[in-house]
């Protein structure tokens, strides 16, 4: 099933520091036309700890996926979300991208998104 993938899930995929069944679930979603928010690209590639090799590996992973850009309707959704619940701006953007694309969100931080109406959250660690 296609999903929107949160930044933390892509970090786990890149690190490989998870149990094999969890990594398999993540890899299956990545292989199944996964999408990510533009904020995820900013978070991943903006990390100042990258080596040349790790940045290239991250770019190659993102190239396998489709990016959801910020559109005026997504911006309005972010405003609606943030005006109704306390949530960090990056998380609101990621949630709005998932809602706009009618996709479940795969994240390790399910609690951060639980109060967003209509958002389906998948935690590959809890399956």
PDB file of N, CA and C in Angstrom:
ATOM      1  N   UNK A   1       0.841  -1.179   0.000  1.00  0.00           N
ATOM      2  CA  UNK A   1       0.000   0.000   0.000  1.00  0.00           C
ATOM      3  C   UNK A   1       0.887   1.243   0.000  1.00  0.00           C
ATOM      4  N   UNK A   2       0.646   2.183  -0.897  1.00  0.00           N
ATOM      5  CA  UNK A   2       1.426   3.425  -0.886  1.00  0.00           C
ATOM      6  C   UNK A   2       1.186   4.202   0.407  1.00  0.00           C
ATOM      7  N   UNK A   3       2.224   4.849   0.881  1.00  0.00           N
ATOM      8  CA  UNK A   3       2.168   5.661   2.102  1.00  0.00           C
ATOM      9  C   UNK A   3       2.964   6.936   1.878  1.00  0.00           C
ATOM     10  N   UNK A   4       2.729   7.890   2.748  1.00  0.00           N
ATOM     11  CA  UNK A   4       3.641   9.005   2.889  1.00  0.00           C
ATOM     12  C   UNK A   4       4.570   8.617   4.041  1.00  0.00           C
ATOM     13  N   UNK A   5       5.857   8.765   3.835  1.00  0.00           N
ATOM     14  CA  UNK A   5       6.828   8.304   4.824  1.00  0.00           C
ATOM     15  C   UNK A   5       7.396   9.498   5.576  1.00  0.00           C
ATOM     16  N   UNK A   6       7.331   9.410   6.897  1.00  0.00           N
ATOM     17  CA  UNK A   6       7.883  10.447   7.759  1.00  0.00           C
ATOM     18  C   UNK A   6       9.413  10.377   7.723  1.00  0.00           C
ATOM     19  N   UNK A   7      10.016  11.485   8.052  1.00  0.00           N
ATOM     20  CA  UNK A   7      11.479  11.592   8.056  1.00  0.00           C
ATOM     21  C   UNK A   7      12.125  10.496   8.889  1.00  0.00           C
ATOM     22  N   UNK A   8      11.575  10.223  10.062  1.00  0.00           N
ATOM     23  CA  UNK A   8      12.229   9.247  10.944  1.00  0.00           C
ATOM     24  C   UNK A   8      12.279   7.853  10.322  1.00  0.00           C
ATOM     25  N   UNK A   9      11.299   7.505   9.523  1.00  0.00           N
ATOM     26  CA  UNK A   9      11.294   6.185   8.881  1.00  0.00           C
ATOM     27  C   UNK A   9      12.412   6.104   7.841  1.00  0.00           C
ATOM     28  N   UNK A  10      12.616   7.180   7.098  1.00  0.00           N
ATOM     29  CA  UNK A  10      13.699   7.170   6.118  1.00  0.00           C
ATOM     30  C   UNK A  10      15.061   7.148   6.806  1.00  0.00           C
ATOM     31  N   UNK A  11      15.160   7.760   7.973  1.00  0.00           N
ATOM     32  CA  UNK A  11      16.409   7.685   8.744  1.00  0.00           C
ATOM     33  C   UNK A  11      16.674   6.234   9.148  1.00  0.00           C
ATOM     34  N   UNK A  12      15.626   5.530   9.602  1.00  0.00           N
ATOM     35  CA  UNK A  12      15.800   4.111   9.945  1.00  0.00           C
ATOM     36  C   UNK A  12      16.208   3.305   8.715  1.00  0.00           C
ATOM     37  N   UNK A  13      15.597   3.584   7.576  1.00  0.00           N
ATOM     38  CA  UNK A  13      15.934   2.848   6.348  1.00  0.00           C
ATOM     39  C   UNK A  13      17.390   3.084   5.960  1.00  0.00           C
ATOM     40  N   UNK A  14      17.839   4.316   6.095  1.00  0.00           N
ATOM     41  CA  UNK A  14      19.220   4.631   5.739  1.00  0.00           C
ATOM     42  C   UNK A  14      20.221   4.033   6.720  1.00  0.00           C
ATOM     43  N   UNK A  15      19.866   4.007   7.994  1.00  0.00           N
ATOM     44  CA  UNK A  15      20.803   3.511   9.008  1.00  0.00           C
ATOM     45  C   UNK A  15      20.854   1.991   9.040  1.00  0.00           C
ATOM     46  N   UNK A  16      19.704   1.354   8.753  1.00  0.00           N
ATOM     47  CA  UNK A  16      19.638  -0.100   8.846  1.00  0.00           C
ATOM     48  C   UNK A  16      19.668  -0.606  10.281  1.00  0.00           C
ATOM     49  N   UNK A  17      19.602   0.294  11.243  1.00  0.00           N
ATOM     50  CA  UNK A  17      19.691  -0.086  12.658  1.00  0.00           C
ATOM     51  C   UNK A  17      18.326  -0.431  13.244  1.00  0.00           C
ATOM     52  N   UNK A  18      17.628  -1.329  12.591  1.00  0.00           N
ATOM     53  CA  UNK A  18      16.336  -1.810  13.081  1.00  0.00           C
ATOM     54  C   UNK A  18      16.265  -3.311  12.839  1.00  0.00           C
ATOM     55  N   UNK A  19      15.352  -3.956  13.533  1.00  0.00           N
ATOM     56  CA  UNK A  19      15.166  -5.390  13.354  1.00  0.00           C
ATOM     57  C   UNK A  19      14.769  -5.697  11.914  1.00  0.00           C
ATOM     58  N   UNK A  20      15.138  -6.869  11.452  1.00  0.00           N
ATOM     59  CA  UNK A  20      14.867  -7.269  10.067  1.00  0.00           C
ATOM     60  C   UNK A  20      13.388  -7.167   9.689  1.00  0.00           C
ATOM     61  N   UNK A  21      12.432  -7.610  10.530  1.00  0.00           N
ATOM     62  CA  UNK A  21      11.021  -7.494  10.128  1.00  0.00           C
ATOM     63  C   UNK A  21      10.578  -6.040   9.945  1.00  0.00           C
ATOM     64  N   UNK A  22      11.061  -5.145  10.791  1.00  0.00           N
ATOM     65  CA  UNK A  22      10.714  -3.726  10.668  1.00  0.00           C
ATOM     66  C   UNK A  22      11.320  -3.154   9.395  1.00  0.00           C
ATOM     67  N   UNK A  23      12.582  -3.453   9.150  1.00  0.00           N
ATOM     68  CA  UNK A  23      13.239  -2.969   7.943  1.00  0.00           C
ATOM     69  C   UNK A  23      12.543  -3.499   6.697  1.00  0.00           C
ATOM     70  N   UNK A  24      12.074  -4.730   6.748  1.00  0.00           N
ATOM     71  CA  UNK A  24      11.343  -5.312   5.611  1.00  0.00           C
ATOM     72  C   UNK A  24      10.045  -4.543   5.368  1.00  0.00           C
ATOM     73  N   UNK A  25       9.309  -4.202   6.439  1.00  0.00           N
ATOM     74  CA  UNK A  25       8.073  -3.426   6.285  1.00  0.00           C
ATOM     75  C   UNK A  25       8.367  -2.052   5.672  1.00  0.00           C
ATOM     76  N   UNK A  26       9.441  -1.424   6.129  1.00  0.00           N
ATOM     77  CA  UNK A  26       9.820  -0.120   5.585  1.00  0.00           C
ATOM     78  C   UNK A  26      10.207  -0.263   4.115  1.00  0.00           C
ATOM     79  N   UNK A  27      11.038  -1.244   3.811  1.00  0.00           N
ATOM     80  CA  UNK A  27      11.471  -1.461   2.424  1.00  0.00           C
ATOM     81  C   UNK A  27      10.290  -1.766   1.511  1.00  0.00           C
ATOM     82  N   UNK A  28       9.300  -2.525   2.006  1.00  0.00           N
ATOM     83  CA  UNK A  28       8.115  -2.837   1.197  1.00  0.00           C
ATOM     84  C   UNK A  28       7.352  -1.564   0.848  1.00  0.00           C
ATOM     85  N   UNK A  29       7.227  -0.660   1.795  1.00  0.00           N
ATOM     86  CA  UNK A  29       6.518   0.603   1.543  1.00  0.00           C
ATOM     87  C   UNK A  29       7.308   1.466   0.565  1.00  0.00           C
ATOM     88  N   UNK A  30       8.613   1.507   0.737  1.00  0.00           N
ATOM     89  CA  UNK A  30       9.453   2.278  -0.182  1.00  0.00           C
ATOM     90  C   UNK A  30       9.309   1.730  -1.604  1.00  0.00           C
ATOM     91  N   UNK A  31       9.286   0.431  -1.738  1.00  0.00           N
ATOM     92  CA  UNK A  31       9.166  -0.194  -3.056  1.00  0.00           C
ATOM     93  C   UNK A  31       7.777  -0.011  -3.674  1.00  0.00           C
ATOM     94  N   UNK A  32       6.797   0.340  -2.850  1.00  0.00           N
ATOM     95  CA  UNK A  32       5.414   0.437  -3.314  1.00  0.00           C
ATOM     96  C   UNK A  32       4.984   1.893  -3.528  1.00  0.00           C
ATOM     97  N   UNK A  33       5.771   2.622  -4.286  1.00  0.00           N
ATOM     98  CA  UNK A  33       5.415   3.992  -4.679  1.00  0.00           C
ATOM     99  C   UNK A  33       5.224   4.940  -3.496  1.00  0.00           C
ATOM    100  N   UNK A  34       6.077   4.824  -2.513  1.00  0.00           N
ATOM    101  CA  UNK A  34       5.990   5.711  -1.345  1.00  0.00           C
ATOM    102  C   UNK A  34       6.228   7.158  -1.759  1.00  0.00           C
ATOM    103  N   UNK A  35       5.699   8.046  -0.944  1.00  0.00           N
ATOM    104  CA  UNK A  35       5.868   9.478  -1.160  1.00  0.00           C
ATOM    105  C   UNK A  35       6.450  10.075   0.116  1.00  0.00           C
ATOM    106  N   UNK A  36       6.962  11.264   0.003  1.00  0.00           N
ATOM    107  CA  UNK A  36       7.472  11.986   1.168  1.00  0.00           C
ATOM    108  C   UNK A  36       7.189  13.470   0.971  1.00  0.00           C
ATOM    109  N   UNK A  37       7.133  14.188   2.073  1.00  0.00           N
ATOM    110  CA  UNK A  37       6.887  15.624   2.038  1.00  0.00           C
ATOM    111  C   UNK A  37       8.175  16.383   1.738  1.00  0.00           C
ATOM    112  N   UNK A  38       8.039  17.519   1.123  1.00  0.00           N
ATOM    113  CA  UNK A  38       9.194  18.373   0.871  1.00  0.00           C
ATOM    114  C   UNK A  38       9.932  18.689   2.176  1.00  0.00           C
ATOM    115  N   UNK A  39       9.224  18.759   3.285  1.00  0.00           N
ATOM    116  CA  UNK A  39       9.874  19.033   4.576  1.00  0.00           C
ATOM    117  C   UNK A  39      10.813  17.890   4.950  1.00  0.00           C
ATOM    118  N   UNK A  40      10.475  16.683   4.549  1.00  0.00           N
ATOM    119  CA  UNK A  40      11.350  15.536   4.812  1.00  0.00           C
ATOM    120  C   UNK A  40      12.660  15.688   4.045  1.00  0.00           C
ATOM    121  N   UNK A  41      12.574  16.142   2.815  1.00  0.00           N
ATOM    122  CA  UNK A  41      13.821  16.374   2.060  1.00  0.00           C
ATOM    123  C   UNK A  41      14.671  17.431   2.755  1.00  0.00           C
ATOM    124  N   UNK A  42      14.026  18.493   3.223  1.00  0.00           N
ATOM    125  CA  UNK A  42      14.762  19.548   3.931  1.00  0.00           C
ATOM    126  C   UNK A  42      15.413  19.009   5.196  1.00  0.00           C
ATOM    127  N   UNK A  43      14.661  18.196   5.945  1.00  0.00           N
ATOM    128  CA  UNK A  43      15.203  17.639   7.191  1.00  0.00           C
ATOM    129  C   UNK A  43      16.354  16.674   6.926  1.00  0.00           C
ATOM    130  N   UNK A  44      16.176  15.785   5.949  1.00  0.00           N
ATOM    131  CA  UNK A  44      17.208  14.780   5.670  1.00  0.00           C
ATOM    132  C   UNK A  44      18.468  15.390   5.077  1.00  0.00           C
ATOM    133  N   UNK A  45      18.312  16.197   4.040  1.00  0.00           N
ATOM    134  CA  UNK A  45      19.492  16.730   3.361  1.00  0.00           C
ATOM    135  C   UNK A  45      20.103  17.920   4.093  1.00  0.00           C
ATOM    136  N   UNK A  46      19.334  18.557   4.977  1.00  0.00           N
ATOM    137  CA  UNK A  46      19.840  19.685   5.732  1.00  0.00           C
ATOM    138  C   UNK A  46      20.631  19.307   6.968  1.00  0.00           C
ATOM    139  N   UNK A  47      20.702  18.017   7.266  1.00  0.00           N
ATOM    140  CA  UNK A  47      21.446  17.561   8.435  1.00  0.00           C
ATOM    141  C   UNK A  47      22.926  17.882   8.234  1.00  0.00           C
ATOM    142  N   UNK A  48      23.530  18.549   9.203  1.00  0.00           N
ATOM    143  CA  UNK A  48      24.923  18.977   9.035  1.00  0.00           C
ATOM    144  C   UNK A  48      25.942  17.889   9.356  1.00  0.00           C
ATOM    145  N   UNK A  49      25.497  16.690   9.686  1.00  0.00           N
ATOM    146  CA  UNK A  49      26.412  15.594   9.989  1.00  0.00           C
ATOM    147  C   UNK A  49      26.713  14.694   8.801  1.00  0.00           C
ATOM    148  N   UNK A  50      26.180  15.042   7.625  1.00  0.00           N
ATOM    149  CA  UNK A  50      26.406  14.196   6.449  1.00  0.00           C
ATOM    150  C   UNK A  50      27.870  14.170   6.034  1.00  0.00           C
ATOM    151  N   UNK A  51      28.286  12.994   5.608  1.00  0.00           N
ATOM    152  CA  UNK A  51      29.523  12.865   4.848  1.00  0.00           C
ATOM    153  C   UNK A  51      29.118  12.964   3.380  1.00  0.00           C
ATOM    154  N   UNK A  52      30.076  13.032   2.505  1.00  0.00           N
ATOM    155  CA  UNK A  52      29.762  13.040   1.075  1.00  0.00           C
ATOM    156  C   UNK A  52      28.995  11.767   0.713  1.00  0.00           C
ATOM    157  N   UNK A  53      29.426  10.644   1.258  1.00  0.00           N
ATOM    158  CA  UNK A  53      28.792   9.360   0.948  1.00  0.00           C
ATOM    159  C   UNK A  53      27.379   9.270   1.516  1.00  0.00           C
ATOM    160  N   UNK A  54      27.182   9.717   2.763  1.00  0.00           N
ATOM    161  CA  UNK A  54      25.844   9.605   3.352  1.00  0.00           C
ATOM    162  C   UNK A  54      24.858  10.550   2.669  1.00  0.00           C
ATOM    163  N   UNK A  55      25.326  11.714   2.259  1.00  0.00           N
ATOM    164  CA  UNK A  55      24.433  12.626   1.541  1.00  0.00           C
ATOM    165  C   UNK A  55      24.028  12.013   0.201  1.00  0.00           C
ATOM    166  N   UNK A  56      24.968  11.423  -0.476  1.00  0.00           N
ATOM    167  CA  UNK A  56      24.681  10.784  -1.774  1.00  0.00           C
ATOM    168  C   UNK A  56      23.704   9.624  -1.581  1.00  0.00           C
ATOM    169  N   UNK A  57      23.906   8.813  -0.542  1.00  0.00           N
ATOM    170  CA  UNK A  57      22.994   7.697  -0.257  1.00  0.00           C
ATOM    171  C   UNK A  57      21.576   8.223   0.015  1.00  0.00           C
ATOM    172  N   UNK A  58      21.475   9.316   0.744  1.00  0.00           N
ATOM    173  CA  UNK A  58      20.178   9.920   1.027  1.00  0.00           C
ATOM    174  C   UNK A  58      19.529  10.434  -0.255  1.00  0.00           C
ATOM    175  N   UNK A  59      20.294  11.089  -1.086  1.00  0.00           N
ATOM    176  CA  UNK A  59      19.771  11.585  -2.368  1.00  0.00           C
ATOM    177  C   UNK A  59      19.282  10.432  -3.244  1.00  0.00           C
ATOM    178  N   UNK A  60      20.015   9.324  -3.257  1.00  0.00           N
ATOM    179  CA  UNK A  60      19.609   8.164  -4.050  1.00  0.00           C
ATOM    180  C   UNK A  60      18.311   7.554  -3.520  1.00  0.00           C
ATOM    181  N   UNK A  61      18.149   7.500  -2.199  1.00  0.00           N
ATOM    182  CA  UNK A  61      16.910   6.991  -1.628  1.00  0.00           C
ATOM    183  C   UNK A  61      15.736   7.885  -2.003  1.00  0.00           C
ATOM    184  N   UNK A  62      15.902   9.181  -1.851  1.00  0.00           N
ATOM    185  CA  UNK A  62      14.820  10.106  -2.187  1.00  0.00           C
ATOM    186  C   UNK A  62      14.462  10.038  -3.669  1.00  0.00           C
ATOM    187  N   UNK A  63      15.451   9.779  -4.516  1.00  0.00           N
ATOM    188  CA  UNK A  63      15.193   9.696  -5.961  1.00  0.00           C
ATOM    189  C   UNK A  63      14.289   8.517  -6.316  1.00  0.00           C
ATOM    190  N   UNK A  64      14.200   7.520  -5.434  1.00  0.00           N
ATOM    191  CA  UNK A  64      13.326   6.365  -5.672  1.00  0.00           C
ATOM    192  C   UNK A  64      11.864   6.676  -5.360  1.00  0.00           C
ATOM    193  N   UNK A  65      11.639   7.778  -4.656  1.00  0.00           N
ATOM    194  CA  UNK A  65      10.316   8.118  -4.145  1.00  0.00           C
ATOM    195  C   UNK A  65       9.794   9.367  -4.832  1.00  0.00           C
ATOM    196  N   UNK A  66       8.550   9.694  -4.569  1.00  0.00           N
ATOM    197  CA  UNK A  66       7.949  10.914  -5.111  1.00  0.00           C
ATOM    198  C   UNK A  66       7.760  11.931  -4.004  1.00  0.00           C
ATOM    199  N   UNK A  67       8.080  13.160  -4.319  1.00  0.00           N
ATOM    200  CA  UNK A  67       7.964  14.238  -3.341  1.00  0.00           C
ATOM    201  C   UNK A  67       6.620  14.947  -3.471  1.00  0.00           C
ATOM    202  N   UNK A  68       6.022  15.239  -2.331  1.00  0.00           N
ATOM    203  CA  UNK A  68       4.801  16.038  -2.286  1.00  0.00           C
ATOM    204  C   UNK A  68       5.220  17.467  -1.970  1.00  0.00           C
ATOM    205  N   UNK A  69       4.972  18.362  -2.906  1.00  0.00           N
ATOM    206  CA  UNK A  69       5.358  19.763  -2.751  1.00  0.00           C
ATOM    207  C   UNK A  69       4.319  20.516  -1.927  1.00  0.00           C
ATOM    208  N   UNK A  70       4.737  21.651  -1.405  1.00  0.00           N
ATOM    209  CA  UNK A  70       3.788  22.524  -0.719  1.00  0.00           C
ATOM    210  C   UNK A  70       2.951  23.248  -1.769  1.00  0.00           C
ATOM    211  N   UNK A  71       1.664  23.086  -1.671  1.00  0.00           N
ATOM    212  CA  UNK A  71       0.722  23.783  -2.544  1.00  0.00           C
ATOM    213  C   UNK A  71      -0.112  24.715  -1.680  1.00  0.00           C
ATOM    214  N   UNK A  72      -0.814  25.649  -2.284  1.00  0.00           N
ATOM    215  CA  UNK A  72      -1.683  26.516  -1.481  1.00  0.00           C
ATOM    216  C   UNK A  72      -2.695  25.737  -0.638  1.00  0.00           C
ATOM    217  N   UNK A  73      -3.238  24.649  -1.166  1.00  0.00           N
ATOM    218  CA  UNK A  73      -4.220  23.885  -0.382  1.00  0.00           C
ATOM    219  C   UNK A  73      -3.558  23.163   0.791  1.00  0.00           C
ATOM    220  N   UNK A  74      -2.338  22.688   0.602  1.00  0.00           N
ATOM    221  CA  UNK A  74      -1.619  22.056   1.712  1.00  0.00           C
ATOM    222  C   UNK A  74      -1.278  23.101   2.769  1.00  0.00           C
ATOM    223  N   UNK A  75      -0.861  24.277   2.343  1.00  0.00           N
ATOM    224  CA  UNK A  75      -0.570  25.353   3.297  1.00  0.00           C
ATOM    225  C   UNK A  75      -1.812  25.669   4.131  1.00  0.00           C
ATOM    226  N   UNK A  76      -2.984  25.721   3.505  1.00  0.00           N
ATOM    227  CA  UNK A  76      -4.228  25.981   4.242  1.00  0.00           C
ATOM    228  C   UNK A  76      -4.522  24.851   5.234  1.00  0.00           C
ATOM    229  N   UNK A  77      -4.247  23.611   4.824  1.00  0.00           N
ATOM    230  CA  UNK A  77      -4.437  22.489   5.742  1.00  0.00           C
ATOM    231  C   UNK A  77      -3.499  22.601   6.941  1.00  0.00           C
ATOM    232  N   UNK A  78      -2.258  22.995   6.697  1.00  0.00           N
ATOM    233  CA  UNK A  78      -1.289  23.166   7.780  1.00  0.00           C
ATOM    234  C   UNK A  78      -1.800  24.227   8.760  1.00  0.00           C
ATOM    235  N   UNK A  79      -2.293  25.322   8.235  1.00  0.00           N
ATOM    236  CA  UNK A  79      -2.831  26.386   9.081  1.00  0.00           C
ATOM    237  C   UNK A  79      -4.001  25.871   9.907  1.00  0.00           C
ATOM    238  N   UNK A  80      -4.899  25.123   9.276  1.00  0.00           N
ATOM    239  CA  UNK A  80      -6.043  24.555  10.000  1.00  0.00           C
ATOM    240  C   UNK A  80      -5.590  23.601  11.104  1.00  0.00           C
ATOM    241  N   UNK A  81      -4.635  22.751  10.793  1.00  0.00           N
ATOM    242  CA  UNK A  81      -4.136  21.786  11.777  1.00  0.00           C
ATOM    243  C   UNK A  81      -3.503  22.520  12.955  1.00  0.00           C
ATOM    244  N   UNK A  82      -2.612  23.460  12.655  1.00  0.00           N
ATOM    245  CA  UNK A  82      -1.892  24.163  13.728  1.00  0.00           C
ATOM    246  C   UNK A  82      -2.794  25.080  14.538  1.00  0.00           C
ATOM    247  N   UNK A  83      -3.878  25.554  13.945  1.00  0.00           N
ATOM    248  CA  UNK A  83      -4.775  26.428  14.702  1.00  0.00           C
ATOM    249  C   UNK A  83      -5.712  25.622  15.601  1.00  0.00           C
ATOM    250  N   UNK A  84      -5.787  24.305  15.369  1.00  0.00           N
ATOM    251  CA  UNK A  84      -6.693  23.484  16.177  1.00  0.00           C
ATOM    252  C   UNK A  84      -5.980  22.626  17.226  1.00  0.00           C
ATOM    253  N   UNK A  85      -4.711  22.286  16.993  1.00  0.00           N
ATOM    254  CA  UNK A  85      -3.958  21.482  17.966  1.00  0.00           C
ATOM    255  C   UNK A  85      -2.527  21.984  18.051  1.00  0.00           C
ATOM    256  N   UNK A  86      -1.888  21.709  19.175  1.00  0.00           N
ATOM    257  CA  UNK A  86      -0.475  22.049  19.335  1.00  0.00           C
ATOM    258  C   UNK A  86       0.348  20.964  18.645  1.00  0.00           C
ATOM    259  N   UNK A  87       1.052  21.365  17.602  1.00  0.00           N
ATOM    260  CA  UNK A  87       1.880  20.441  16.834  1.00  0.00           C
ATOM    261  C   UNK A  87       3.006  21.241  16.198  1.00  0.00           C
ATOM    262  N   UNK A  88       4.170  20.628  16.081  1.00  0.00           N
ATOM    263  CA  UNK A  88       5.304  21.296  15.449  1.00  0.00           C
ATOM    264  C   UNK A  88       5.003  21.531  13.974  1.00  0.00           C
ATOM    265  N   UNK A  89       5.524  22.630  13.452  1.00  0.00           N
ATOM    266  CA  UNK A  89       5.282  22.981  12.052  1.00  0.00           C
ATOM    267  C   UNK A  89       5.698  21.870  11.083  1.00  0.00           C
ATOM    268  N   UNK A  90       6.901  21.277  11.226  1.00  0.00           N
ATOM    269  CA  UNK A  90       7.256  20.202  10.282  1.00  0.00           C
ATOM    270  C   UNK A  90       6.268  19.033  10.321  1.00  0.00           C
ATOM    271  N   UNK A  91       5.811  18.674  11.517  1.00  0.00           N
ATOM    272  CA  UNK A  91       4.848  17.575  11.627  1.00  0.00           C
ATOM    273  C   UNK A  91       3.517  17.948  10.995  1.00  0.00           C
ATOM    274  N   UNK A  92       3.086  19.192  11.154  1.00  0.00           N
ATOM    275  CA  UNK A  92       1.836  19.638  10.528  1.00  0.00           C
ATOM    276  C   UNK A  92       1.950  19.603   9.010  1.00  0.00           C
ATOM    277  N   UNK A  93       3.098  19.977   8.484  1.00  0.00           N
ATOM    278  CA  UNK A  93       3.305  19.933   7.032  1.00  0.00           C
ATOM    279  C   UNK A  93       3.255  18.487   6.538  1.00  0.00           C
ATOM    280  N   UNK A  94       3.934  17.597   7.229  1.00  0.00           N
ATOM    281  CA  UNK A  94       3.944  16.184   6.841  1.00  0.00           C
ATOM    282  C   UNK A  94       2.528  15.612   6.899  1.00  0.00           C
ATOM    283  N   UNK A  95       1.801  15.908   7.971  1.00  0.00           N
ATOM    284  CA  UNK A  95       0.427  15.417   8.096  1.00  0.00           C
ATOM    285  C   UNK A  95      -0.460  15.964   6.981  1.00  0.00           C
ATOM    286  N   UNK A  96      -0.342  17.240   6.695  1.00  0.00           N
ATOM    287  CA  UNK A  96      -1.157  17.847   5.642  1.00  0.00           C
ATOM    288  C   UNK A  96      -0.837  17.236   4.279  1.00  0.00           C
ATOM    289  N   UNK A  97       0.416  16.927   4.035  1.00  0.00           N
ATOM    290  CA  UNK A  97       0.788  16.278   2.764  1.00  0.00           C
ATOM    291  C   UNK A  97       0.129  14.908   2.656  1.00  0.00           C
ATOM    292  N   UNK A  98       0.135  14.145   3.754  1.00  0.00           N
ATOM    293  CA  UNK A  98      -0.502  12.824   3.745  1.00  0.00           C
ATOM    294  C   UNK A  98      -2.004  12.966   3.506  1.00  0.00           C
ATOM    295  N   UNK A  99      -2.633  13.901   4.186  1.00  0.00           N
ATOM    296  CA  UNK A  99      -4.076  14.102   4.009  1.00  0.00           C
ATOM    297  C   UNK A  99      -4.400  14.555   2.587  1.00  0.00           C
ATOM    298  N   UNK A 100      -3.607  15.464   2.052  1.00  0.00           N
ATOM    299  CA  UNK A 100      -3.856  15.977   0.697  1.00  0.00           C
ATOM    300  C   UNK A 100      -3.724  14.879  -0.349  1.00  0.00           C
ATOM    301  N   UNK A 101      -2.813  13.949  -0.111  1.00  0.00           N
ATOM    302  CA  UNK A 101      -2.592  12.854  -1.054  1.00  0.00           C
ATOM    303  C   UNK A 101      -3.460  11.639  -0.749  1.00  0.00           C
ATOM    304  N   UNK A 102      -4.266  11.744   0.324  1.00  0.00           N
ATOM    305  CA  UNK A 102      -5.133  10.644   0.757  1.00  0.00           C
ATOM    306  C   UNK A 102      -4.319   9.368   1.004  1.00  0.00           C
ATOM    307  N   UNK A 103      -3.214   9.549   1.720  1.00  0.00           N
ATOM    308  CA  UNK A 103      -2.310   8.442   2.021  1.00  0.00           C
ATOM    309  C   UNK A 103      -2.167   8.279   3.528  1.00  0.00           C
ATOM    310  N   UNK A 104      -1.986   7.047   3.990  1.00  0.00           N
ATOM    311  CA  UNK A 104      -1.611   6.870   5.395  1.00  0.00           C
ATOM    312  C   UNK A 104      -0.195   7.397   5.597  1.00  0.00           C
ATOM    313  N   UNK A 105       0.112   7.760   6.815  1.00  0.00           N
ATOM    314  CA  UNK A 105       1.439   8.234   7.171  1.00  0.00           C
ATOM    315  C   UNK A 105       2.167   7.142   7.929  1.00  0.00           C
ATOM    316  N   UNK A 106       3.343   6.755   7.438  1.00  0.00           N
ATOM    317  CA  UNK A 106       4.176   5.801   8.161  1.00  0.00           C
ATOM    318  C   UNK A 106       5.169   6.597   8.996  1.00  0.00           C
ATOM    319  N   UNK A 107       5.111   6.397  10.315  1.00  0.00           N
ATOM    320  CA  UNK A 107       5.976   7.111  11.238  1.00  0.00           C
ATOM    321  C   UNK A 107       6.229   6.290  12.486  1.00  0.00           C
ATOM    322  N   UNK A 108       7.328   6.565  13.146  1.00  0.00           N
ATOM    323  CA  UNK A 108       7.604   5.957  14.444  1.00  0.00           C
ATOM    324  C   UNK A 108       6.951   6.790  15.540  1.00  0.00           C
ATOM    325  N   UNK A 109       6.645   8.037  15.231  1.00  0.00           N
ATOM    326  CA  UNK A 109       6.112   8.976  16.210  1.00  0.00           C
ATOM    327  C   UNK A 109       4.595   9.106  16.089  1.00  0.00           C
ATOM    328  N   UNK A 110       3.897   8.012  16.199  1.00  0.00           N
ATOM    329  CA  UNK A 110       2.441   8.020  16.038  1.00  0.00           C
ATOM    330  C   UNK A 110       1.768   8.981  17.011  1.00  0.00           C
ATOM    331  N   UNK A 111       2.286   9.102  18.212  1.00  0.00           N
ATOM    332  CA  UNK A 111       1.670   9.980  19.213  1.00  0.00           C
ATOM    333  C   UNK A 111       1.655  11.438  18.757  1.00  0.00           C
ATOM    334  N   UNK A 112       2.631  11.844  17.958  1.00  0.00           N
ATOM    335  CA  UNK A 112       2.685  13.231  17.487  1.00  0.00           C
ATOM    336  C   UNK A 112       1.535  13.560  16.544  1.00  0.00           C
ATOM    337  N   UNK A 113       0.941  12.542  15.941  1.00  0.00           N
ATOM    338  CA  UNK A 113      -0.064  12.753  14.903  1.00  0.00           C
ATOM    339  C   UNK A 113      -1.459  12.269  15.292  1.00  0.00           C
ATOM    340  N   UNK A 114      -1.617  11.694  16.481  1.00  0.00           N
ATOM    341  CA  UNK A 114      -2.858  11.004  16.840  1.00  0.00           C
ATOM    342  C   UNK A 114      -4.085  11.903  16.896  1.00  0.00           C
ATOM    343  N   UNK A 115      -3.914  13.200  17.099  1.00  0.00           N
ATOM    344  CA  UNK A 115      -5.071  14.084  17.232  1.00  0.00           C
ATOM    345  C   UNK A 115      -5.502  14.719  15.913  1.00  0.00           C
ATOM    346  N   UNK A 116      -4.893  14.329  14.817  1.00  0.00           N
ATOM    347  CA  UNK A 116      -5.233  14.918  13.527  1.00  0.00           C
ATOM    348  C   UNK A 116      -6.357  14.107  12.889  1.00  0.00           C
ATOM    349  N   UNK A 117      -7.503  14.738  12.775  1.00  0.00           N
ATOM    350  CA  UNK A 117      -8.696  14.084  12.253  1.00  0.00           C
ATOM    351  C   UNK A 117      -8.483  13.611  10.823  1.00  0.00           C
ATOM    352  N   UNK A 118      -8.837  12.357  10.589  1.00  0.00           N
ATOM    353  CA  UNK A 118      -8.783  11.795   9.249  1.00  0.00           C
ATOM    354  C   UNK A 118      -7.437  11.220   8.837  1.00  0.00           C
ATOM    355  N   UNK A 119      -6.409  11.429   9.643  1.00  0.00           N
ATOM    356  CA  UNK A 119      -5.086  10.930   9.299  1.00  0.00           C
ATOM    357  C   UNK A 119      -4.922   9.493   9.792  1.00  0.00           C
ATOM    358  N   UNK A 120      -4.585   8.610   8.884  1.00  0.00           N
ATOM    359  CA  UNK A 120      -4.308   7.207   9.227  1.00  0.00           C
ATOM    360  C   UNK A 120      -2.796   7.099   9.440  1.00  0.00           C
ATOM    361  N   UNK A 121      -2.409   6.572  10.596  1.00  0.00           N
ATOM    362  CA  UNK A 121      -0.996   6.464  10.939  1.00  0.00           C
ATOM    363  C   UNK A 121      -0.612   4.994  11.066  1.00  0.00           C
ATOM    364  N   UNK A 122       0.516   4.659  10.448  1.00  0.00           N
ATOM    365  CA  UNK A 122       1.070   3.315  10.511  1.00  0.00           C
ATOM    366  C   UNK A 122       2.435   3.393  11.179  1.00  0.00           C
ATOM    367  N   UNK A 123       2.619   2.631  12.237  1.00  0.00           N
ATOM    368  CA  UNK A 123       3.912   2.541  12.913  1.00  0.00           C
ATOM    369  C   UNK A 123       4.492   1.159  12.585  1.00  0.00           C
ATOM    370  N   UNK A 124       5.541   1.105  11.757  1.00  0.00           N
ATOM    371  CA  UNK A 124       6.078  -0.219  11.374  1.00  0.00           C
ATOM    372  C   UNK A 124       6.690  -0.982  12.546  1.00  0.00           C
ATOM    373  N   UNK A 125       6.938  -0.287  13.646  1.00  0.00           N
ATOM    374  CA  UNK A 125       7.487  -0.935  14.828  1.00  0.00           C
ATOM    375  C   UNK A 125       6.401  -1.586  15.679  1.00  0.00           C
ATOM    376  N   UNK A 126       5.158  -1.165  15.463  1.00  0.00           N
ATOM    377  CA  UNK A 126       4.042  -1.657  16.299  1.00  0.00           C
ATOM    378  C   UNK A 126       3.218  -2.739  15.616  1.00  0.00           C
ATOM    379  N   UNK A 127       3.544  -3.049  14.385  1.00  0.00           N
ATOM    380  CA  UNK A 127       2.752  -4.033  13.621  1.00  0.00           C
ATOM    381  C   UNK A 127       3.013  -5.422  14.139  1.00  0.00           C
TER     382      UNK A 127
END
